Amino acid sequence: MSTADRVQRRNLVLLWASQFTNTAGLMVLVPIMPFYVQGMGVRGTAEVQTWAGVAIAAPALALTVATPLWGRLGDRVGRHWMVVRALVGLAASMVVMAVASNPVALVVGRLLQGTLGGVVEAAQAFASAVGPGDKRGSALGKSFSATAAGSLTGPVLGGALVGAGQLDGLMLAIAAIATLLAGACALGLRDPRAARPGTRPAPQDRSRRPGFWRTGFWQVPGAAPLAVAAVAAYLGVYGLIPVFAEHVQRGFPSGQAGLWVGVFQSVTWGATLIASFWWGRHNDRAQRPVRALAIAATACGVSIAAQALPLGAAGLVVLRIVQGASFAALAQSLFFHVGKHAPEERRSGCVGAANSFLLAGQSAGPLLAGPMAVVLPTHASIALLGAACAVAGLCCVRALRGEHPHRDHDRAEVLTG
């Protein structure tokens, strides 16, 4: 095994562990946020739901603004330092949330998590930016699988500890693990290209380099329709979460609704975990990430809209598997396309800007789903959220005009050896 291969493998291990820790920590609180807020003394259904919704959306809202700025800074000081920074931010925010005694302090901790954290975003930007051209898709697929694994593990830990009042200790433990991982990433994360004999970073033309606030994202082929697609797809997927719980509660016995929501959630993320690897390898082979994004967004939309039908447990399990497998392609395909078309000196900033559109949809979905569910029947809300993902698929079809696999620089490198 060459030195570059060893560096790449070490990078993937560190990034996977970092993303898993971050996502598991987030998902410990998200599904049980209403109960956690109630434990702080908040009373009344409206008050509890309001504070829980704000706390859930806070990190994504902060990340929407902060991610492209951190990505642009990563292009200047080194991408691995952004992963280290995100882990330190995660640790700090976990401490704040662990000692929070009221919902205001909890929201402050969540905002801190979004502003200084963003482990998943930093790790995905690193993987898409420095992954070798012929293996960038696989690197992104493996990296994204950590998010799915964390989303499977987090709710189990949260559900097991919420009744015992041990969530504070768990959050402090996550903070300690994040701190240790930050040290490991500071020492171990390296650009694998630097390990290749005779390879030196390309000099940057400072006179042509954009300012700190400009990432160059809009120079990526199909940037505008892909930005709309990112917002619409994640709005549909994440807007479904609160609506789906209400849908299950109405369609299943009241005493079993919580159990079934957990089952459907686990099935979805299990499919995402498995499919993440396949989509990564597929993007490496086909070099058509926008086409993959179009197919996945459309399949996601159809599977979500169909969940409004009275299909029973078996039908919902099938649809959630399709949804999870399709969802696995969304972020990594977008990052793959942006990463291979963005200039080297702007790559992290461009990936960060692309991720901001995903985060915008991720935060808007849950915030809009509640009021929409009040105005519309639950099945109509689910159908509209599915339609949002279908719109994302149409936008990707529009962006396909900018995808030229045979002209791609990375593919040329692969073909020429």
Protein backbone atom coordinates (compact mmCIF):
# COMPACT_ATOMS: atom_id res chain seq x y z
CA MET A 1 0.00 0.00 0.00
CA SER A 2 1.38 3.38 -1.03
CA THR A 3 1.86 6.28 1.34
CA ALA A 4 -0.99 8.18 -0.33
CA ASP A 5 -3.34 5.20 0.15
CA ARG A 6 -2.43 4.94 3.83
CA VAL A 7 -3.08 8.66 4.28
CA GLN A 8 -6.43 8.35 2.51
CA ARG A 9 -7.47 5.41 4.69
CA ARG A 10 -6.51 7.24 7.88
CA ASN A 11 -8.45 10.28 6.68
CA LEU A 12 -11.59 8.22 6.12
CA VAL A 13 -11.37 6.58 9.55
CA LEU A 14 -11.00 9.92 11.32
CA LEU A 15 -13.73 11.59 9.28
CA TRP A 16 -16.11 8.67 9.79
CA ALA A 17 -15.58 8.67 13.57
CA SER A 18 -16.02 12.45 13.73
CA GLN A 19 -19.25 12.46 11.73
CA PHE A 20 -20.66 9.51 13.65
CA THR A 21 -20.00 11.23 16.98
CA ASN A 22 -21.52 14.49 15.77
CA THR A 23 -24.67 12.95 14.30
CA ALA A 24 -25.27 10.58 17.20
CA GLY A 25 -24.98 13.55 19.56
CA LEU A 26 -27.49 15.56 17.53
CA MET A 27 -29.98 12.72 17.22
CA VAL A 28 -29.84 11.99 20.93
CA LEU A 29 -31.83 15.18 21.50
CA VAL A 30 -33.80 15.81 18.30
CA PRO A 31 -36.42 13.01 18.53
CA ILE A 32 -37.02 13.68 22.26
CA MET A 33 -36.63 17.46 22.22
CA PRO A 34 -40.21 18.11 23.45
CA PHE A 35 -39.60 15.91 26.49
CA TYR A 36 -36.25 17.60 27.15
CA VAL A 37 -37.87 21.04 26.99
CA GLN A 38 -40.64 19.90 29.34
CA GLY A 39 -37.97 18.83 31.79
CA MET A 40 -36.82 22.47 31.90
CA GLY A 41 -40.18 23.55 33.23
CA VAL A 42 -41.91 24.60 30.01
CA ARG A 43 -45.64 23.90 30.15
CA GLY A 44 -48.39 23.97 27.57
CA THR A 45 -48.47 22.18 24.24
CA ALA A 46 -47.97 25.33 22.17
CA GLU A 47 -45.02 26.52 24.27
CA VAL A 48 -43.36 23.12 24.27
CA GLN A 49 -43.73 22.68 20.50
CA THR A 50 -42.49 26.21 19.83
CA TRP A 51 -39.35 25.88 21.93
CA ALA A 52 -38.69 22.37 20.63
CA GLY A 53 -39.06 23.53 17.01
CA VAL A 54 -36.73 26.49 17.52
CA ALA A 55 -34.15 24.30 19.26
CA ILE A 56 -34.28 21.71 16.48
CA ALA A 57 -33.95 24.29 13.69
CA ALA A 58 -31.31 26.49 15.37
CA PRO A 59 -28.14 24.62 14.29
CA ALA A 60 -29.23 24.37 10.65
CA LEU A 61 -30.13 28.07 10.56
CA ALA A 62 -26.71 29.03 11.93
CA LEU A 63 -24.90 26.60 9.65
CA THR A 64 -26.66 28.05 6.60
CA VAL A 65 -24.79 31.31 7.17
CA ALA A 66 -21.56 29.98 8.65
CA THR A 67 -20.74 27.01 6.40
CA PRO A 68 -19.60 28.90 3.26
CA LEU A 69 -17.53 31.25 5.41
CA TRP A 70 -15.80 28.38 7.19
CA GLY A 71 -15.33 26.62 3.85
CA ARG A 72 -13.69 29.70 2.35
CA LEU A 73 -11.41 29.98 5.38
CA GLY A 74 -10.56 26.29 4.93
CA ASP A 75 -9.30 27.03 1.44
CA ARG A 76 -6.88 29.52 2.99
CA VAL A 77 -5.64 27.89 6.21
CA GLY A 78 -6.14 24.19 5.45
CA ARG A 79 -9.24 22.02 5.19
CA HIS A 80 -8.30 19.65 7.99
CA TRP A 81 -8.28 22.58 10.42
CA MET A 82 -11.96 23.12 9.67
CA VAL A 83 -12.70 19.58 10.83
CA VAL A 84 -10.71 20.25 14.02
CA ARG A 85 -12.54 23.55 14.52
CA ALA A 86 -15.91 21.86 14.06
CA LEU A 87 -15.10 19.17 16.64
CA VAL A 88 -14.01 21.77 19.19
CA GLY A 89 -17.24 23.68 18.48
CA LEU A 90 -19.25 20.50 18.98
CA ALA A 91 -17.58 19.90 22.34
CA ALA A 92 -18.23 23.46 23.51
CA SER A 93 -21.88 23.39 22.46
CA MET A 94 -22.47 20.03 24.16
CA VAL A 95 -21.14 21.45 27.44
CA VAL A 96 -23.44 24.47 27.14
CA MET A 97 -26.47 22.26 26.45
CA ALA A 98 -25.57 19.87 29.26
CA VAL A 99 -25.57 22.65 31.87
CA ALA A 100 -28.54 24.56 30.37
CA SER A 101 -31.39 24.92 32.85
CA ASN A 102 -33.85 26.81 30.63
CA PRO A 103 -34.86 26.72 26.96
CA VAL A 104 -33.10 30.01 26.15
CA ALA A 105 -29.76 28.57 27.20
CA LEU A 106 -30.56 25.39 25.27
CA VAL A 107 -31.19 27.39 22.08
CA VAL A 108 -27.96 29.34 22.66
CA GLY A 109 -26.10 26.04 22.84
CA ARG A 110 -27.76 24.84 19.65
CA LEU A 111 -26.89 28.08 17.85
CA LEU A 112 -23.31 27.70 19.05
CA GLN A 113 -23.34 24.18 17.70
CA GLY A 114 -24.35 25.47 14.27
CA THR A 115 -22.03 28.47 14.21
CA LEU A 116 -18.83 26.84 15.49
CA GLY A 117 -19.68 23.21 14.86
CA GLY A 118 -20.70 21.55 11.62
CA VAL A 119 -18.55 18.43 11.83
CA VAL A 120 -20.51 16.68 9.08
CA GLU A 121 -20.28 19.69 6.79
CA ALA A 122 -16.55 20.17 7.37
CA ALA A 123 -15.84 16.46 6.89
CA GLN A 124 -17.89 16.25 3.70
CA ALA A 125 -16.11 19.34 2.34
CA PHE A 126 -12.74 17.77 3.17
CA ALA A 127 -13.66 14.46 1.52
CA SER A 128 -15.05 16.10 -1.62
CA ALA A 129 -12.12 18.49 -1.90
CA VAL A 130 -9.14 16.21 -1.38
CA GLY A 131 -10.46 12.81 -2.44
CA PRO A 132 -8.63 11.43 -5.50
CA GLY A 133 -10.54 11.94 -8.74
CA ASP A 134 -11.20 8.23 -9.31
CA LYS A 135 -12.32 7.59 -5.71
CA ARG A 136 -13.99 10.83 -4.67
CA GLY A 137 -17.48 9.33 -4.95
CA SER A 138 -16.56 6.35 -2.77
CA ALA A 139 -14.96 8.66 -0.21
CA LEU A 140 -18.13 10.76 -0.06
CA GLY A 141 -20.31 7.63 0.15
CA LYS A 142 -18.32 6.24 3.07
CA SER A 143 -18.28 9.64 4.73
CA PHE A 144 -22.06 10.05 4.40
CA SER A 145 -22.66 6.55 5.81
CA ALA A 146 -21.39 7.85 9.16
CA THR A 147 -24.33 10.25 9.27
CA ALA A 148 -26.74 7.38 8.72
CA ALA A 149 -25.05 5.23 11.38
CA GLY A 150 -25.16 8.10 13.87
CA SER A 151 -28.82 8.68 13.09
CA LEU A 152 -29.50 5.05 13.90
CA THR A 153 -27.53 5.05 17.15
CA GLY A 154 -28.49 8.45 18.60
CA PRO A 155 -32.23 7.84 19.10
CA VAL A 156 -31.51 4.51 20.79
CA LEU A 157 -29.19 6.18 23.31
CA GLY A 158 -31.57 9.09 23.86
CA GLY A 159 -34.60 6.88 24.35
CA ALA A 160 -32.73 4.66 26.79
CA LEU A 161 -31.39 7.53 28.93
CA VAL A 162 -34.14 10.16 28.84
CA GLY A 163 -36.22 8.37 31.46
CA ALA A 164 -33.21 7.84 33.72
CA GLY A 165 -32.22 11.52 33.66
CA GLN A 166 -28.72 10.75 32.36
CA LEU A 167 -28.75 12.79 29.17
CA ASP A 168 -26.55 15.50 30.71
CA GLY A 169 -23.83 12.98 31.44
CA LEU A 170 -24.10 11.58 27.92
CA MET A 171 -23.68 15.04 26.37
CA LEU A 172 -20.59 15.66 28.50
CA ALA A 173 -19.21 12.31 27.37
CA ILE A 174 -19.82 13.31 23.74
CA ALA A 175 -17.98 16.57 24.41
CA ALA A 176 -14.99 14.63 25.75
CA ILE A 177 -14.96 12.27 22.76
CA ALA A 178 -15.18 15.23 20.36
CA THR A 179 -12.21 16.86 22.08
CA LEU A 180 -10.13 13.71 21.73
CA LEU A 181 -11.12 13.38 18.09
CA ALA A 182 -10.14 17.01 17.49
CA GLY A 183 -6.63 16.23 18.70
CA ALA A 184 -6.48 13.09 16.57
CA CYS A 185 -7.63 14.98 13.46
CA ALA A 186 -5.15 17.80 14.08
CA LEU A 187 -2.34 15.26 14.07
CA GLY A 188 -3.68 12.71 11.58
CA LEU A 189 -5.73 14.40 8.82
CA ARG A 190 -3.62 15.11 5.75
CA ASP A 191 -4.18 15.89 2.10
CA PRO A 192 -3.25 12.56 0.38
CA ARG A 193 -1.87 14.44 -2.63
CA ALA A 194 0.86 15.89 -0.44
CA ALA A 195 2.06 12.35 0.22
CA ARG A 196 2.64 11.59 -3.48
CA PRO A 197 6.27 11.90 -4.54
CA GLY A 198 6.97 15.05 -6.52
CA THR A 199 3.50 16.52 -5.83
CA ARG A 200 3.24 20.08 -4.67
CA PRO A 201 0.19 22.26 -4.19
CA ALA A 202 -0.54 24.46 -7.18
CA PRO A 203 0.38 28.10 -6.53
CA GLN A 204 -2.55 30.44 -6.10
CA ASP A 205 -2.92 33.63 -8.06
CA ARG A 206 -3.78 36.00 -5.25
CA SER A 207 -4.66 38.76 -7.68
CA ARG A 208 -7.50 36.65 -9.09
CA ARG A 209 -8.57 34.95 -5.88
CA PRO A 210 -12.08 36.01 -4.78
CA GLY A 211 -12.71 37.83 -1.56
CA PHE A 212 -13.53 36.02 1.64
CA TRP A 213 -17.31 36.42 1.14
CA ARG A 214 -17.27 35.07 -2.43
CA THR A 215 -16.93 31.31 -2.90
CA GLY A 216 -17.21 30.95 -6.67
CA PHE A 217 -20.17 28.56 -6.33
CA TRP A 218 -22.13 30.32 -9.06
CA GLN A 219 -19.44 29.47 -11.62
CA VAL A 220 -20.18 25.74 -11.17
CA PRO A 221 -22.23 24.38 -14.12
CA GLY A 222 -25.95 24.28 -13.27
CA ALA A 223 -25.42 26.15 -10.00
CA ALA A 224 -28.76 28.01 -9.97
CA PRO A 225 -31.11 25.04 -10.57
CA LEU A 226 -29.01 22.87 -8.26
CA ALA A 227 -29.34 25.46 -5.48
CA VAL A 228 -33.14 25.38 -5.84
CA ALA A 229 -33.05 21.57 -5.96
CA ALA A 230 -31.03 21.38 -2.75
CA VAL A 231 -33.48 23.58 -0.85
CA ALA A 232 -36.55 21.79 -2.21
CA ALA A 233 -35.25 18.25 -1.63
CA TYR A 234 -34.23 18.79 1.98
CA LEU A 235 -37.37 20.81 2.70
CA GLY A 236 -39.45 17.82 1.62
CA VAL A 237 -37.40 15.21 3.50
CA TYR A 238 -36.98 17.06 6.79
CA GLY A 239 -40.43 18.65 6.69
CA LEU A 240 -41.83 15.12 6.70
CA ILE A 241 -40.40 14.32 10.16
CA PRO A 242 -42.98 16.13 12.36
CA VAL A 243 -45.84 15.49 9.92
CA PHE A 244 -45.08 11.78 9.65
CA ALA A 245 -45.25 11.31 13.42
CA GLU A 246 -48.77 12.77 13.42
CA HIS A 247 -49.68 10.58 10.44
CA VAL A 248 -48.56 7.42 12.23
CA GLN A 249 -50.34 8.44 15.42
CA ARG A 250 -53.62 8.65 13.51
CA GLY A 251 -53.17 5.41 11.61
CA PHE A 252 -51.89 3.13 14.38
CA PRO A 253 -53.11 2.34 17.91
CA SER A 254 -52.18 5.17 20.26
CA GLY A 255 -50.12 2.93 22.49
CA GLN A 256 -48.03 1.67 19.57
CA ALA A 257 -47.54 4.89 17.56
CA GLY A 258 -44.24 5.80 19.23
CA LEU A 259 -42.87 2.32 18.64
CA TRP A 260 -43.83 2.37 14.96
CA VAL A 261 -42.30 5.82 14.43
CA GLY A 262 -39.04 4.43 15.81
CA VAL A 263 -39.28 1.38 13.56
CA PHE A 264 -39.90 3.47 10.44
CA GLN A 265 -37.09 5.85 11.37
CA SER A 266 -34.66 2.96 11.84
CA VAL A 267 -35.69 1.37 8.54
CA THR A 268 -35.14 4.66 6.71
CA TRP A 269 -31.67 5.32 8.10
CA GLY A 270 -30.70 1.67 7.72
CA ALA A 271 -31.46 1.92 4.00
CA THR A 272 -29.52 5.18 3.85
CA LEU A 273 -26.51 3.56 5.51
CA ILE A 274 -26.40 0.67 3.04
CA ALA A 275 -27.16 2.74 -0.05
CA SER A 276 -24.54 5.39 0.74
CA PHE A 277 -21.73 3.05 -0.32
CA TRP A 278 -23.50 2.05 -3.55
CA TRP A 279 -24.19 5.62 -4.63
CA GLY A 280 -20.56 6.56 -3.97
CA ARG A 281 -19.24 3.76 -6.17
CA HIS A 282 -21.88 4.53 -8.81
CA ASN A 283 -20.79 8.17 -9.03
CA ASP A 284 -17.17 7.09 -9.45
CA ARG A 285 -18.10 4.75 -12.31
CA ALA A 286 -20.64 6.93 -14.14
CA GLN A 287 -19.20 10.39 -13.40
CA ARG A 288 -22.78 11.73 -13.72
CA PRO A 289 -23.65 12.98 -10.21
CA VAL A 290 -26.33 15.41 -11.43
CA ARG A 291 -28.17 12.57 -13.16
CA ALA A 292 -27.92 10.52 -9.96
CA LEU A 293 -29.25 13.51 -8.02
CA ALA A 294 -32.20 13.87 -10.42
CA ILE A 295 -33.14 10.20 -10.14
CA ALA A 296 -32.76 10.14 -6.35
CA ALA A 297 -34.75 13.35 -5.76
CA THR A 298 -37.59 12.10 -7.95
CA ALA A 299 -37.66 8.71 -6.24
CA CYS A 300 -37.60 10.47 -2.87
CA GLY A 301 -40.57 12.62 -3.89
CA VAL A 302 -42.65 9.69 -5.12
CA SER A 303 -41.93 7.59 -2.03
CA ILE A 304 -42.78 10.47 0.32
CA ALA A 305 -46.00 11.41 -1.46
CA ALA A 306 -47.13 7.76 -1.49
CA GLN A 307 -46.83 7.61 2.30
CA ALA A 308 -50.02 9.69 2.45
CA LEU A 309 -51.93 6.62 1.24
CA PRO A 310 -53.46 4.11 3.74
CA LEU A 311 -50.95 1.34 3.00
CA GLY A 312 -50.44 -0.13 6.47
CA ALA A 313 -47.19 -1.05 8.15
CA ALA A 314 -45.81 -3.25 5.36
CA GLY A 315 -46.42 -0.62 2.69
CA LEU A 316 -44.85 2.13 4.79
CA VAL A 317 -41.78 -0.01 5.44
CA VAL A 318 -41.24 -0.46 1.68
CA LEU A 319 -41.70 3.25 1.00
CA ARG A 320 -39.36 4.23 3.83
CA ILE A 321 -36.69 1.91 2.42
CA VAL A 322 -37.02 3.61 -0.98
CA GLN A 323 -36.94 7.04 0.67
CA GLY A 324 -33.83 6.21 2.70
CA ALA A 325 -31.97 4.67 -0.22
CA SER A 326 -32.79 7.68 -2.42
CA PHE A 327 -31.90 10.19 0.28
CA ALA A 328 -28.42 8.66 0.49
CA ALA A 329 -27.59 10.07 -2.95
CA LEU A 330 -28.69 13.68 -2.46
CA ALA A 331 -25.91 15.42 -0.54
CA GLN A 332 -23.01 13.30 -1.75
CA SER A 333 -23.98 13.65 -5.43
CA LEU A 334 -24.32 17.42 -5.07
CA PHE A 335 -20.94 17.66 -3.34
CA PHE A 336 -19.38 15.39 -5.96
CA HIS A 337 -20.54 17.64 -8.81
CA VAL A 338 -19.51 20.86 -7.09
CA GLY A 339 -16.18 19.43 -5.93
CA LYS A 340 -15.11 18.24 -9.37
CA HIS A 341 -16.04 21.48 -11.17
CA ALA A 342 -14.90 24.06 -8.61
CA PRO A 343 -11.37 25.49 -8.92
CA GLU A 344 -8.90 23.91 -6.52
CA GLU A 345 -8.32 27.09 -4.53
CA ARG A 346 -12.08 27.61 -4.04
CA ARG A 347 -13.27 24.02 -3.65
CA SER A 348 -14.07 23.98 0.08
CA GLY A 349 -15.87 27.30 -0.18
CA CYS A 350 -17.98 26.06 -3.09
CA VAL A 351 -18.90 22.84 -1.28
CA GLY A 352 -19.75 24.89 1.81
CA ALA A 353 -22.00 27.16 -0.25
CA ALA A 354 -23.76 24.13 -1.75
CA ASN A 355 -24.29 22.72 1.71
CA SER A 356 -25.86 26.01 2.83
CA PHE A 357 -28.72 25.41 0.41
CA LEU A 358 -29.26 21.94 1.85
CA LEU A 359 -29.27 23.43 5.34
CA ALA A 360 -31.76 26.10 4.28
CA GLY A 361 -34.19 23.38 3.25
CA GLN A 362 -33.39 21.34 6.35
CA SER A 363 -34.30 24.23 8.64
CA ALA A 364 -37.27 25.51 6.61
CA GLY A 365 -38.92 22.10 6.35
CA PRO A 366 -39.72 21.54 10.05
CA LEU A 367 -40.59 25.22 10.56
CA LEU A 368 -43.10 25.19 7.68
CA ALA A 369 -44.50 21.73 8.29
CA GLY A 370 -46.18 22.68 11.56
CA PRO A 371 -48.26 25.60 10.24
CA MET A 372 -48.99 23.65 7.05
CA ALA A 373 -50.34 20.73 9.07
CA VAL A 374 -52.69 23.10 10.91
CA VAL A 375 -54.17 24.40 7.64
CA LEU A 376 -54.15 21.16 5.62
CA PRO A 377 -55.00 17.53 6.38
CA THR A 378 -51.99 15.41 7.23
CA HIS A 379 -52.13 13.39 4.01
CA ALA A 380 -52.24 16.59 1.94
CA SER A 381 -49.20 17.97 3.78
CA ILE A 382 -47.27 14.77 3.07
CA ALA A 383 -48.22 14.93 -0.61
CA LEU A 384 -46.99 18.53 -0.85
CA LEU A 385 -43.70 17.63 0.79
CA GLY A 386 -43.27 14.84 -1.73
CA ALA A 387 -44.01 17.35 -4.48
CA ALA A 388 -41.18 19.54 -3.17
CA CYS A 389 -38.73 16.68 -3.75
CA ALA A 390 -40.22 16.12 -7.21
CA VAL A 391 -39.56 19.79 -8.01
CA ALA A 392 -35.96 19.18 -6.96
CA GLY A 393 -35.77 16.36 -9.48
CA LEU A 394 -37.04 18.63 -12.25
CA CYS A 395 -34.45 21.28 -11.34
CA CYS A 396 -31.72 18.65 -11.60
CA VAL A 397 -32.94 17.70 -15.07
CA ARG A 398 -32.51 21.35 -16.01
CA ALA A 399 -28.97 21.26 -14.56
CA LEU A 400 -28.05 18.17 -16.58
CA ARG A 401 -27.16 20.47 -19.48
CA GLY A 402 -24.10 21.56 -17.51
CA GLU A 403 -22.86 18.02 -16.88
CA HIS A 404 -20.20 16.94 -19.35
CA PRO A 405 -18.56 13.79 -18.00
CA HIS A 406 -16.12 13.43 -20.89
CA ARG A 407 -14.80 16.93 -20.32
CA ASP A 408 -14.35 16.56 -16.61
CA HIS A 409 -10.79 17.06 -15.46
CA ASP A 410 -10.88 14.28 -12.88
CA ARG A 411 -12.18 11.76 -15.37
CA ALA A 412 -9.46 12.75 -17.80
CA GLU A 413 -6.90 12.02 -15.11
CA VAL A 414 -8.38 8.57 -14.53
CA LEU A 415 -8.45 7.67 -18.23
CA THR A 416 -4.89 8.82 -18.84
CA GLY A 417 -3.56 7.12 -15.69
